[in-house]
PDB file of N, CA and C in Angstrom:
ATOM      1  N   MET A   1      13.371  -6.987  32.653  1.00  0.00           N
ATOM      2  CA  MET A   1      12.555  -7.024  31.453  1.00  0.00           C
ATOM      3  C   MET A   1      12.110  -8.469  31.227  1.00  0.00           C
ATOM      4  N   THR A   2      10.842  -8.646  30.917  1.00  0.00           N
ATOM      5  CA  THR A   2      10.322  -9.982  30.652  1.00  0.00           C
ATOM      6  C   THR A   2      10.214 -10.207  29.152  1.00  0.00           C
ATOM      7  N   ALA A   3      10.306 -11.445  28.792  1.00  0.00           N
ATOM      8  CA  ALA A   3      10.201 -11.804  27.370  1.00  0.00           C
ATOM      9  C   ALA A   3       8.748 -11.715  26.927  1.00  0.00           C
ATOM     10  N   ALA A   4       8.552 -11.230  25.746  1.00  0.00           N
ATOM     11  CA  ALA A   4       7.207 -11.150  25.167  1.00  0.00           C
ATOM     12  C   ALA A   4       7.042 -12.323  24.212  1.00  0.00           C
ATOM     13  N   TYR A   5       6.298 -13.318  24.635  1.00  0.00           N
ATOM     14  CA  TYR A   5       6.154 -14.523  23.829  1.00  0.00           C
ATOM     15  C   TYR A   5       5.107 -14.395  22.733  1.00  0.00           C
ATOM     16  N   ASN A   6       4.275 -13.382  22.815  1.00  0.00           N
ATOM     17  CA  ASN A   6       3.225 -13.233  21.814  1.00  0.00           C
ATOM     18  C   ASN A   6       3.624 -12.279  20.689  1.00  0.00           C
ATOM     19  N   VAL A   7       4.887 -11.910  20.629  1.00  0.00           N
ATOM     20  CA  VAL A   7       5.365 -10.997  19.594  1.00  0.00           C
ATOM     21  C   VAL A   7       5.889 -11.810  18.417  1.00  0.00           C
ATOM     22  N   VAL A   8       5.401 -11.480  17.244  1.00  0.00           N
ATOM     23  CA  VAL A   8       5.863 -12.139  16.029  1.00  0.00           C
ATOM     24  C   VAL A   8       6.458 -11.071  15.127  1.00  0.00           C
ATOM     25  N   VAL A   9       7.654 -11.299  14.672  1.00  0.00           N
ATOM     26  CA  VAL A   9       8.328 -10.346  13.793  1.00  0.00           C
ATOM     27  C   VAL A   9       8.458 -10.980  12.416  1.00  0.00           C
ATOM     28  N   HIS A  10       7.964 -10.273  11.421  1.00  0.00           N
ATOM     29  CA  HIS A  10       8.094 -10.724  10.043  1.00  0.00           C
ATOM     30  C   HIS A  10       9.043  -9.769   9.337  1.00  0.00           C
ATOM     31  N   GLU A  11      10.128 -10.291   8.860  1.00  0.00           N
ATOM     32  CA  GLU A  11      11.051  -9.465   8.101  1.00  0.00           C
ATOM     33  C   GLU A  11      10.960  -9.873   6.645  1.00  0.00           C
ATOM     34  N   SER A  12      10.771  -8.898   5.813  1.00  0.00           N
ATOM     35  CA  SER A  12      10.741  -9.207   4.387  1.00  0.00           C
ATOM     36  C   SER A  12      11.520  -8.134   3.651  1.00  0.00           C
ATOM     37  N   ARG A  13      12.107  -8.529   2.590  1.00  0.00           N
ATOM     38  CA  ARG A  13      12.884  -7.608   1.772  1.00  0.00           C
ATOM     39  C   ARG A  13      12.009  -7.179   0.602  1.00  0.00           C
ATOM     40  N   LEU A  14      11.919  -5.882   0.401  1.00  0.00           N
ATOM     41  CA  LEU A  14      11.129  -5.372  -0.714  1.00  0.00           C
ATOM     42  C   LEU A  14      11.864  -5.618  -2.022  1.00  0.00           C
ATOM     43  N   PRO A  15      11.119  -5.887  -3.074  1.00  0.00           N
ATOM     44  CA  PRO A  15      11.754  -6.017  -4.389  1.00  0.00           C
ATOM     45  C   PRO A  15      12.409  -4.690  -4.781  1.00  0.00           C
ATOM     46  N   ASP A  16      13.494  -4.770  -5.523  1.00  0.00           N
ATOM     47  CA  ASP A  16      14.194  -3.560  -5.963  1.00  0.00           C
ATOM     48  C   ASP A  16      13.270  -2.595  -6.699  1.00  0.00           C
ATOM     49  N   ALA A  17      12.288  -3.122  -7.411  1.00  0.00           N
ATOM     50  CA  ALA A  17      11.364  -2.273  -8.175  1.00  0.00           C
ATOM     51  C   ALA A  17      10.483  -1.411  -7.267  1.00  0.00           C
ATOM     52  N   ASP A  18      10.386  -1.760  -5.978  1.00  0.00           N
ATOM     53  CA  ASP A  18       9.552  -1.010  -5.035  1.00  0.00           C
ATOM     54  C   ASP A  18      10.330   0.050  -4.259  1.00  0.00           C
ATOM     55  N   ILE A  19      11.620   0.195  -4.579  1.00  0.00           N
ATOM     56  CA  ILE A  19      12.477   1.117  -3.834  1.00  0.00           C
ATOM     57  C   ILE A  19      13.131   2.111  -4.783  1.00  0.00           C
ATOM     58  N   ILE A  20      13.169   3.367  -4.350  1.00  0.00           N
ATOM     59  CA  ILE A  20      13.923   4.390  -5.072  1.00  0.00           C
ATOM     60  C   ILE A  20      14.826   5.094  -4.061  1.00  0.00           C
ATOM     61  N   VAL A  21      15.823   5.783  -4.560  1.00  0.00           N
ATOM     62  CA  VAL A  21      16.735   6.520  -3.688  1.00  0.00           C
ATOM     63  C   VAL A  21      16.502   8.009  -3.899  1.00  0.00           C
ATOM     64  N   VAL A  22      16.239   8.701  -2.801  1.00  0.00           N
ATOM     65  CA  VAL A  22      16.033  10.149  -2.818  1.00  0.00           C
ATOM     66  C   VAL A  22      17.031  10.750  -1.830  1.00  0.00           C
ATOM     67  N   ALA A  23      17.926  11.572  -2.327  1.00  0.00           N
ATOM     68  CA  ALA A  23      18.945  12.209  -1.474  1.00  0.00           C
ATOM     69  C   ALA A  23      19.684  11.176  -0.624  1.00  0.00           C
ATOM     70  N   ASP A  24      20.112  10.108  -1.267  1.00  0.00           N
ATOM     71  CA  ASP A  24      20.869   9.026  -0.619  1.00  0.00           C
ATOM     72  C   ASP A  24      20.080   8.240   0.427  1.00  0.00           C
ATOM     73  N   VAL A  25      18.765   8.343   0.404  1.00  0.00           N
ATOM     74  CA  VAL A  25      17.917   7.593   1.331  1.00  0.00           C
ATOM     75  C   VAL A  25      16.993   6.696   0.517  1.00  0.00           C
ATOM     76  N   SER A  26      16.964   5.419   0.857  1.00  0.00           N
ATOM     77  CA  SER A  26      16.064   4.487   0.179  1.00  0.00           C
ATOM     78  C   SER A  26      14.652   4.651   0.725  1.00  0.00           C
ATOM     79  N   VAL A  27      13.701   4.831  -0.175  1.00  0.00           N
ATOM     80  CA  VAL A  27      12.290   4.965   0.195  1.00  0.00           C
ATOM     81  C   VAL A  27      11.458   4.114  -0.763  1.00  0.00           C
ATOM     82  N   THR A  28      10.236   3.825  -0.366  1.00  0.00           N
ATOM     83  CA  THR A  28       9.374   3.065  -1.269  1.00  0.00           C
ATOM     84  C   THR A  28       8.851   3.974  -2.369  1.00  0.00           C
ATOM     85  N   THR A  29       8.559   3.368  -3.507  1.00  0.00           N
ATOM     86  CA  THR A  29       7.996   4.121  -4.624  1.00  0.00           C
ATOM     87  C   THR A  29       6.593   4.597  -4.257  1.00  0.00           C
ATOM     88  N   ALA A  30       6.108   5.566  -4.996  1.00  0.00           N
ATOM     89  CA  ALA A  30       4.752   6.068  -4.753  1.00  0.00           C
ATOM     90  C   ALA A  30       3.729   4.951  -4.933  1.00  0.00           C
ATOM     91  N   GLN A  31       3.937   4.087  -5.930  1.00  0.00           N
ATOM     92  CA  GLN A  31       2.999   2.987  -6.165  1.00  0.00           C
ATOM     93  C   GLN A  31       2.989   2.024  -4.983  1.00  0.00           C
ATOM     94  N   ARG A  32       4.145   1.669  -4.473  1.00  0.00           N
ATOM     95  CA  ARG A  32       4.222   0.757  -3.330  1.00  0.00           C
ATOM     96  C   ARG A  32       3.588   1.405  -2.096  1.00  0.00           C
ATOM     97  N   THR A  33       3.870   2.688  -1.899  1.00  0.00           N
ATOM     98  CA  THR A  33       3.308   3.401  -0.758  1.00  0.00           C
ATOM     99  C   THR A  33       1.786   3.429  -0.831  1.00  0.00           C
ATOM    100  N   LEU A  34       1.247   3.740  -2.005  1.00  0.00           N
ATOM    101  CA  LEU A  34      -0.206   3.771  -2.162  1.00  0.00           C
ATOM    102  C   LEU A  34      -0.799   2.384  -1.933  1.00  0.00           C
ATOM    103  N   THR A  35      -0.159   1.360  -2.447  1.00  0.00           N
ATOM    104  CA  THR A  35      -0.626  -0.015  -2.237  1.00  0.00           C
ATOM    105  C   THR A  35      -0.674  -0.335  -0.746  1.00  0.00           C
ATOM    106  N   ASP A  36       0.392  -0.007  -0.027  1.00  0.00           N
ATOM    107  CA  ASP A  36       0.440  -0.289   1.410  1.00  0.00           C
ATOM    108  C   ASP A  36      -0.608   0.513   2.182  1.00  0.00           C
ATOM    109  N   LEU A  37      -0.808   1.766   1.796  1.00  0.00           N
ATOM    110  CA  LEU A  37      -1.832   2.583   2.457  1.00  0.00           C
ATOM    111  C   LEU A  37      -3.224   1.998   2.236  1.00  0.00           C
ATOM    112  N   ILE A  38      -3.500   1.561   1.010  1.00  0.00           N
ATOM    113  CA  ILE A  38      -4.805   0.971   0.696  1.00  0.00           C
ATOM    114  C   ILE A  38      -5.007  -0.323   1.475  1.00  0.00           C
ATOM    115  N   LEU A  39      -3.984  -1.164   1.523  1.00  0.00           N
ATOM    116  CA  LEU A  39      -4.099  -2.425   2.257  1.00  0.00           C
ATOM    117  C   LEU A  39      -4.280  -2.201   3.758  1.00  0.00           C
ATOM    118  N   GLY A  40      -3.697  -1.151   4.295  1.00  0.00           N
ATOM    119  CA  GLY A  40      -3.778  -0.907   5.731  1.00  0.00           C
ATOM    120  C   GLY A  40      -4.916  -0.016   6.174  1.00  0.00           C
ATOM    121  N   ALA A  41      -5.633   0.573   5.230  1.00  0.00           N
ATOM    122  CA  ALA A  41      -6.658   1.569   5.565  1.00  0.00           C
ATOM    123  C   ALA A  41      -7.778   1.016   6.447  1.00  0.00           C
ATOM    124  N   SER A  42      -8.120  -0.247   6.299  1.00  0.00           N
ATOM    125  CA  SER A  42      -9.207  -0.798   7.118  1.00  0.00           C
ATOM    126  C   SER A  42      -8.777  -0.985   8.575  1.00  0.00           C
ATOM    127  N   ARG A  43      -7.499  -1.200   8.811  1.00  0.00           N
ATOM    128  CA  ARG A  43      -6.996  -1.371  10.179  1.00  0.00           C
ATOM    129  C   ARG A  43      -6.553  -0.072  10.823  1.00  0.00           C
ATOM    130  N   TYR A  44      -6.059   0.837  10.001  1.00  0.00           N
ATOM    131  CA  TYR A  44      -5.501   2.089  10.511  1.00  0.00           C
ATOM    132  C   TYR A  44      -6.219   3.261   9.854  1.00  0.00           C
ATOM    133  N   PRO A  45      -7.235   3.799  10.503  1.00  0.00           N
ATOM    134  CA  PRO A  45      -8.034   4.875   9.905  1.00  0.00           C
ATOM    135  C   PRO A  45      -7.210   6.090   9.477  1.00  0.00           C
ATOM    136  N   GLU A  46      -6.090   6.327  10.144  1.00  0.00           N
ATOM    137  CA  GLU A  46      -5.265   7.474   9.769  1.00  0.00           C
ATOM    138  C   GLU A  46      -4.636   7.310   8.385  1.00  0.00           C
ATOM    139  N   TYR A  47      -4.571   6.089   7.878  1.00  0.00           N
ATOM    140  CA  TYR A  47      -4.039   5.856   6.525  1.00  0.00           C
ATOM    141  C   TYR A  47      -4.973   6.416   5.452  1.00  0.00           C
ATOM    142  N   VAL A  48      -6.264   6.495   5.760  1.00  0.00           N
ATOM    143  CA  VAL A  48      -7.264   6.878   4.753  1.00  0.00           C
ATOM    144  C   VAL A  48      -6.968   8.256   4.169  1.00  0.00           C
ATOM    145  N   VAL A  49      -6.642   9.207   5.013  1.00  0.00           N
ATOM    146  CA  VAL A  49      -6.358  10.567   4.535  1.00  0.00           C
ATOM    147  C   VAL A  49      -5.168  10.561   3.590  1.00  0.00           C
ATOM    148  N   TRP A  50      -4.100   9.872   3.979  1.00  0.00           N
ATOM    149  CA  TRP A  50      -2.891   9.837   3.144  1.00  0.00           C
ATOM    150  C   TRP A  50      -3.152   9.095   1.839  1.00  0.00           C
ATOM    151  N   MET A  51      -3.930   8.020   1.917  1.00  0.00           N
ATOM    152  CA  MET A  51      -4.297   7.257   0.726  1.00  0.00           C
ATOM    153  C   MET A  51      -5.059   8.143  -0.251  1.00  0.00           C
ATOM    154  N   GLN A  52      -6.036   8.882   0.256  1.00  0.00           N
ATOM    155  CA  GLN A  52      -6.847   9.751  -0.605  1.00  0.00           C
ATOM    156  C   GLN A  52      -6.008  10.866  -1.218  1.00  0.00           C
ATOM    157  N   LEU A  53      -5.138  11.474  -0.424  1.00  0.00           N
ATOM    158  CA  LEU A  53      -4.292  12.556  -0.942  1.00  0.00           C
ATOM    159  C   LEU A  53      -3.346  12.060  -2.031  1.00  0.00           C
ATOM    160  N   LEU A  54      -2.722  10.916  -1.806  1.00  0.00           N
ATOM    161  CA  LEU A  54      -1.802  10.377  -2.811  1.00  0.00           C
ATOM    162  C   LEU A  54      -2.555   9.999  -4.081  1.00  0.00           C
ATOM    163  N   ALA A  55      -3.727   9.399  -3.939  1.00  0.00           N
ATOM    164  CA  ALA A  55      -4.536   9.033  -5.111  1.00  0.00           C
ATOM    165  C   ALA A  55      -4.981  10.270  -5.882  1.00  0.00           C
ATOM    166  N   GLN A  56      -5.294  11.347  -5.179  1.00  0.00           N
ATOM    167  CA  GLN A  56      -5.692  12.595  -5.850  1.00  0.00           C
ATOM    168  C   GLN A  56      -4.524  13.207  -6.610  1.00  0.00           C
ATOM    169  N   GLN A  57      -3.350  13.173  -6.019  1.00  0.00           N
ATOM    170  CA  GLN A  57      -2.179  13.785  -6.638  1.00  0.00           C
ATOM    171  C   GLN A  57      -1.589  12.932  -7.758  1.00  0.00           C
ATOM    172  N   MET A  58      -1.739  11.619  -7.656  1.00  0.00           N
ATOM    173  CA  MET A  58      -1.144  10.709  -8.636  1.00  0.00           C
ATOM    174  C   MET A  58      -2.155   9.648  -9.078  1.00  0.00           C
ATOM    175  N   PRO A  59      -3.266  10.050  -9.697  1.00  0.00           N
ATOM    176  CA  PRO A  59      -4.301   9.080 -10.068  1.00  0.00           C
ATOM    177  C   PRO A  59      -3.829   8.044 -11.086  1.00  0.00           C
ATOM    178  N   THR A  60      -2.759   8.330 -11.804  1.00  0.00           N
ATOM    179  CA  THR A  60      -2.248   7.353 -12.777  1.00  0.00           C
ATOM    180  C   THR A  60      -1.672   6.113 -12.097  1.00  0.00           C
ATOM    181  N   LEU A  61      -1.448   6.168 -10.799  1.00  0.00           N
ATOM    182  CA  LEU A  61      -0.962   4.992 -10.069  1.00  0.00           C
ATOM    183  C   LEU A  61      -2.053   3.949  -9.858  1.00  0.00           C
ATOM    184  N   LEU A  62      -3.305   4.390  -9.827  1.00  0.00           N
ATOM    185  CA  LEU A  62      -4.407   3.499  -9.451  1.00  0.00           C
ATOM    186  C   LEU A  62      -4.529   2.257 -10.326  1.00  0.00           C
ATOM    187  N   PRO A  63      -4.441   2.359 -11.668  1.00  0.00           N
ATOM    188  CA  PRO A  63      -4.512   1.131 -12.468  1.00  0.00           C
ATOM    189  C   PRO A  63      -3.364   0.162 -12.171  1.00  0.00           C
ATOM    190  N   HIS A  64      -2.192   0.700 -11.862  1.00  0.00           N
ATOM    191  CA  HIS A  64      -1.044  -0.155 -11.544  1.00  0.00           C
ATOM    192  C   HIS A  64      -1.237  -0.855 -10.198  1.00  0.00           C
ATOM    193  N   VAL A  65      -1.788  -0.127  -9.236  1.00  0.00           N
ATOM    194  CA  VAL A  65      -2.081  -0.725  -7.932  1.00  0.00           C
ATOM    195  C   VAL A  65      -3.141  -1.812  -8.097  1.00  0.00           C
ATOM    196  N   HIS A  66      -4.168  -1.541  -8.880  1.00  0.00           N
ATOM    197  CA  HIS A  66      -5.223  -2.531  -9.125  1.00  0.00           C
ATOM    198  C   HIS A  66      -4.634  -3.785  -9.776  1.00  0.00           C
ATOM    199  N   GLU A  67      -3.787  -3.593 -10.764  1.00  0.00           N
ATOM    200  CA  GLU A  67      -3.149  -4.726 -11.449  1.00  0.00           C
ATOM    201  C   GLU A  67      -2.300  -5.537 -10.474  1.00  0.00           C
ATOM    202  N   HIS A  68      -1.534  -4.851  -9.640  1.00  0.00           N
ATOM    203  CA  HIS A  68      -0.678  -5.531  -8.656  1.00  0.00           C
ATOM    204  C   HIS A  68      -1.517  -6.361  -7.682  1.00  0.00           C
ATOM    205  N   LEU A  69      -2.572  -5.760  -7.147  1.00  0.00           N
ATOM    206  CA  LEU A  69      -3.423  -6.473  -6.195  1.00  0.00           C
ATOM    207  C   LEU A  69      -4.162  -7.633  -6.859  1.00  0.00           C
ATOM    208  N   SER A  70      -4.609  -7.437  -8.084  1.00  0.00           N
ATOM    209  CA  SER A  70      -5.328  -8.494  -8.810  1.00  0.00           C
ATOM    210  C   SER A  70      -4.448  -9.711  -9.046  1.00  0.00           C
ATOM    211  N   ALA A  71      -3.167  -9.486  -9.183  1.00  0.00           N
ATOM    212  CA  ALA A  71      -2.231 -10.574  -9.470  1.00  0.00           C
ATOM    213  C   ALA A  71      -1.819 -11.347  -8.217  1.00  0.00           C
ATOM    214  N   ARG A  72      -2.312 -10.932  -7.042  1.00  0.00           N
ATOM    215  CA  ARG A  72      -1.921 -11.576  -5.785  1.00  0.00           C
ATOM    216  C   ARG A  72      -3.147 -12.160  -5.083  1.00  0.00           C
ATOM    217  N   PRO A  73      -3.690 -13.279  -5.569  1.00  0.00           N
ATOM    218  CA  PRO A  73      -4.949 -13.806  -5.028  1.00  0.00           C
ATOM    219  C   PRO A  73      -4.895 -14.223  -3.557  1.00  0.00           C
ATOM    220  N   ARG A  74      -3.730 -14.507  -3.033  1.00  0.00           N
ATOM    221  CA  ARG A  74      -3.645 -14.964  -1.641  1.00  0.00           C
ATOM    222  C   ARG A  74      -3.262 -13.858  -0.665  1.00  0.00           C
ATOM    223  N   LEU A  75      -3.201 -12.637  -1.127  1.00  0.00           N
ATOM    224  CA  LEU A  75      -2.822 -11.511  -0.277  1.00  0.00           C
ATOM    225  C   LEU A  75      -3.960 -11.180   0.689  1.00  0.00           C
ATOM    226  N   PRO A  76      -3.717 -11.209   1.993  1.00  0.00           N
ATOM    227  CA  PRO A  76      -4.775 -10.864   2.952  1.00  0.00           C
ATOM    228  C   PRO A  76      -5.275  -9.435   2.735  1.00  0.00           C
ATOM    229  N   GLY A  77      -6.576  -9.270   2.714  1.00  0.00           N
ATOM    230  CA  GLY A  77      -7.181  -7.955   2.532  1.00  0.00           C
ATOM    231  C   GLY A  77      -7.284  -7.506   1.092  1.00  0.00           C
ATOM    232  N   ARG A  78      -6.948  -8.383   0.163  1.00  0.00           N
ATOM    233  CA  ARG A  78      -6.910  -8.038  -1.260  1.00  0.00           C
ATOM    234  C   ARG A  78      -8.271  -7.603  -1.783  1.00  0.00           C
ATOM    235  N   ARG A  79      -9.311  -8.351  -1.485  1.00  0.00           N
ATOM    236  CA  ARG A  79     -10.639  -8.011  -2.030  1.00  0.00           C
ATOM    237  C   ARG A  79     -11.119  -6.651  -1.544  1.00  0.00           C
ATOM    238  N   ALA A  80     -10.953  -6.394  -0.268  1.00  0.00           N
ATOM    239  CA  ALA A  80     -11.349  -5.086   0.274  1.00  0.00           C
ATOM    240  C   ALA A  80     -10.504  -3.982  -0.349  1.00  0.00           C
ATOM    241  N   ALA A  81      -9.215  -4.244  -0.540  1.00  0.00           N
ATOM    242  CA  ALA A  81      -8.328  -3.244  -1.141  1.00  0.00           C
ATOM    243  C   ALA A  81      -8.721  -2.960  -2.586  1.00  0.00           C
ATOM    244  N   LEU A  82      -9.094  -3.991  -3.330  1.00  0.00           N
ATOM    245  CA  LEU A  82      -9.531  -3.784  -4.715  1.00  0.00           C
ATOM    246  C   LEU A  82     -10.798  -2.930  -4.766  1.00  0.00           C
ATOM    247  N   THR A  83     -11.689  -3.130  -3.814  1.00  0.00           N
ATOM    248  CA  THR A  83     -12.899  -2.304  -3.740  1.00  0.00           C
ATOM    249  C   THR A  83     -12.531  -0.846  -3.493  1.00  0.00           C
ATOM    250  N   VAL A  84     -11.564  -0.622  -2.621  1.00  0.00           N
ATOM    251  CA  VAL A  84     -11.104   0.742  -2.336  1.00  0.00           C
ATOM    252  C   VAL A  84     -10.484   1.360  -3.585  1.00  0.00           C
ATOM    253  N   VAL A  85      -9.653   0.591  -4.294  1.00  0.00           N
ATOM    254  CA  VAL A  85      -9.021   1.107  -5.518  1.00  0.00           C
ATOM    255  C   VAL A  85     -10.091   1.493  -6.531  1.00  0.00           C
ATOM    256  N   GLU A  86     -11.087   0.648  -6.704  1.00  0.00           N
ATOM    257  CA  GLU A  86     -12.151   0.950  -7.668  1.00  0.00           C
ATOM    258  C   GLU A  86     -12.914   2.214  -7.278  1.00  0.00           C
ATOM    259  N   ARG A  87     -13.135   2.412  -5.982  1.00  0.00           N
ATOM    260  CA  ARG A  87     -13.788   3.638  -5.510  1.00  0.00           C
ATOM    261  C   ARG A  87     -12.906   4.849  -5.790  1.00  0.00           C
ATOM    262  N   LEU A  88     -11.613   4.718  -5.529  1.00  0.00           N
ATOM    263  CA  LEU A  88     -10.681   5.822  -5.776  1.00  0.00           C
ATOM    264  C   LEU A  88     -10.592   6.157  -7.261  1.00  0.00           C
ATOM    265  N   VAL A  89     -10.650   5.139  -8.116  1.00  0.00           N
ATOM    266  CA  VAL A  89     -10.648   5.387  -9.565  1.00  0.00           C
ATOM    267  C   VAL A  89     -11.877   6.207  -9.935  1.00  0.00           C
ATOM    268  N   GLY A  90     -13.023   5.848  -9.386  1.00  0.00           N
ATOM    269  CA  GLY A  90     -14.247   6.600  -9.656  1.00  0.00           C
ATOM    270  C   GLY A  90     -14.173   8.045  -9.188  1.00  0.00           C
ATOM    271  N   GLU A  91     -13.504   8.267  -8.073  1.00  0.00           N
ATOM    272  CA  GLU A  91     -13.382   9.618  -7.523  1.00  0.00           C
ATOM    273  C   GLU A  91     -12.314  10.447  -8.225  1.00  0.00           C
ATOM    274  N   ASN A  92     -11.265   9.777  -8.717  1.00  0.00           N
ATOM    275  CA  ASN A  92     -10.101  10.493  -9.245  1.00  0.00           C
ATOM    276  C   ASN A  92      -9.817  10.201 -10.708  1.00  0.00           C
ATOM    277  N   GLY A  93     -10.578   9.256 -11.289  1.00  0.00           N
ATOM    278  CA  GLY A  93     -10.323   8.792 -12.647  1.00  0.00           C
ATOM    279  C   GLY A  93     -10.330   9.858 -13.643  1.00  0.00           C
TER     280      GLY A  93
END
Protein backbone atom coordinates (compact mmCIF):
# COMPACT_ATOMS: atom_id res chain seq x y z
CA MET A 1 0.00 0.00 0.00
CA THR A 2 1.34 3.43 -0.89
CA ALA A 3 0.84 6.56 1.12
CA ALA A 4 -1.63 9.08 -0.23
CA TYR A 5 -0.01 12.46 0.21
CA ASN A 6 -2.86 14.45 -1.29
CA VAL A 7 -5.40 13.31 1.31
CA VAL A 8 -6.45 15.88 3.87
CA VAL A 9 -8.58 14.86 6.82
CA HIS A 10 -10.51 17.46 8.75
CA GLU A 11 -11.93 16.32 12.03
CA SER A 12 -14.35 18.57 13.78
CA ARG A 13 -16.63 18.05 16.71
CA LEU A 14 -20.22 19.13 16.27
CA PRO A 15 -21.69 21.40 18.91
CA ASP A 16 -23.96 19.59 21.37
CA ALA A 17 -26.90 21.64 20.05
CA ASP A 18 -26.49 19.95 16.63
CA ILE A 19 -26.79 16.41 18.01
CA ILE A 20 -29.74 14.43 19.33
CA VAL A 21 -29.96 10.84 20.51
CA VAL A 22 -32.46 8.51 18.86
CA ALA A 23 -32.62 4.93 20.16
CA ASP A 24 -29.19 5.31 21.79
CA VAL A 25 -27.62 6.55 18.54
CA SER A 26 -26.28 10.08 18.18
CA VAL A 27 -27.52 11.78 15.00
CA THR A 28 -27.55 15.34 13.74
CA THR A 29 -30.63 17.45 14.28
CA ALA A 30 -32.97 18.07 11.37
CA GLN A 31 -31.78 21.69 11.23
CA ARG A 32 -28.12 20.68 11.04
CA THR A 33 -28.91 18.02 8.44
CA LEU A 34 -30.82 20.50 6.27
CA THR A 35 -27.99 23.04 6.60
CA ASP A 36 -25.43 20.44 5.51
CA LEU A 37 -27.59 19.29 2.60
CA ILE A 38 -28.03 22.88 1.40
CA LEU A 39 -24.31 23.61 1.69
CA GLY A 40 -23.41 20.43 -0.22
CA ALA A 41 -26.11 20.57 -2.89
CA SER A 42 -23.95 22.40 -5.44
CA ARG A 43 -21.22 19.73 -5.22
CA TYR A 44 -23.39 16.67 -4.76
CA PRO A 45 -26.51 16.70 -6.96
CA GLU A 46 -27.98 13.76 -5.05
CA TYR A 47 -28.31 16.04 -1.99
CA VAL A 48 -30.88 18.19 -3.82
CA VAL A 49 -33.68 15.64 -3.58
CA TRP A 50 -33.12 15.08 0.15
CA MET A 51 -32.82 18.83 0.76
CA GLN A 52 -36.13 19.48 -1.01
CA LEU A 53 -37.93 16.65 0.80
CA LEU A 54 -36.73 17.77 4.23
CA ALA A 55 -37.64 21.40 3.48
CA GLN A 56 -41.12 20.32 2.35
CA GLN A 57 -41.70 18.23 5.46
CA MET A 58 -40.21 20.73 7.92
CA PRO A 59 -40.49 24.24 6.39
CA THR A 60 -40.23 25.82 9.85
CA LEU A 61 -36.52 24.93 9.81
CA LEU A 62 -35.78 27.27 6.90
CA PRO A 63 -35.70 30.56 8.86
CA HIS A 64 -33.36 28.95 11.41
CA VAL A 65 -31.06 27.66 8.66
CA HIS A 66 -31.06 31.12 7.05
CA GLU A 67 -30.21 32.74 10.39
CA HIS A 68 -27.40 30.24 11.01
CA LEU A 69 -25.87 30.77 7.57
CA SER A 70 -26.24 34.56 7.78
CA ALA A 71 -24.28 34.57 11.03
CA ARG A 72 -21.29 32.79 9.42
CA PRO A 73 -19.80 35.26 6.89
CA ARG A 74 -16.64 33.23 6.29
CA LEU A 75 -18.36 29.91 5.64
CA PRO A 76 -17.45 28.60 2.15
CA GLY A 77 -20.53 28.38 -0.07
CA ARG A 78 -22.59 30.57 2.26
CA ARG A 79 -23.92 32.98 -0.37
CA ALA A 80 -25.04 30.22 -2.71
CA ALA A 81 -26.60 28.37 0.23
CA LEU A 82 -28.52 31.48 1.31
CA THR A 83 -29.89 31.78 -2.23
CA VAL A 84 -31.05 28.17 -2.04
CA VAL A 85 -32.70 28.77 1.35
CA GLU A 86 -34.54 31.80 0.00
CA ARG A 87 -35.77 29.76 -2.97
CA LEU A 88 -36.92 26.97 -0.65
CA VAL A 89 -38.76 29.49 1.54
CA GLY A 90 -40.59 30.72 -1.56
CA GLU A 91 -41.52 27.17 -2.53
CA ASN A 92 -42.45 25.95 0.96
CA GLY A 93 -43.14 29.14 2.94
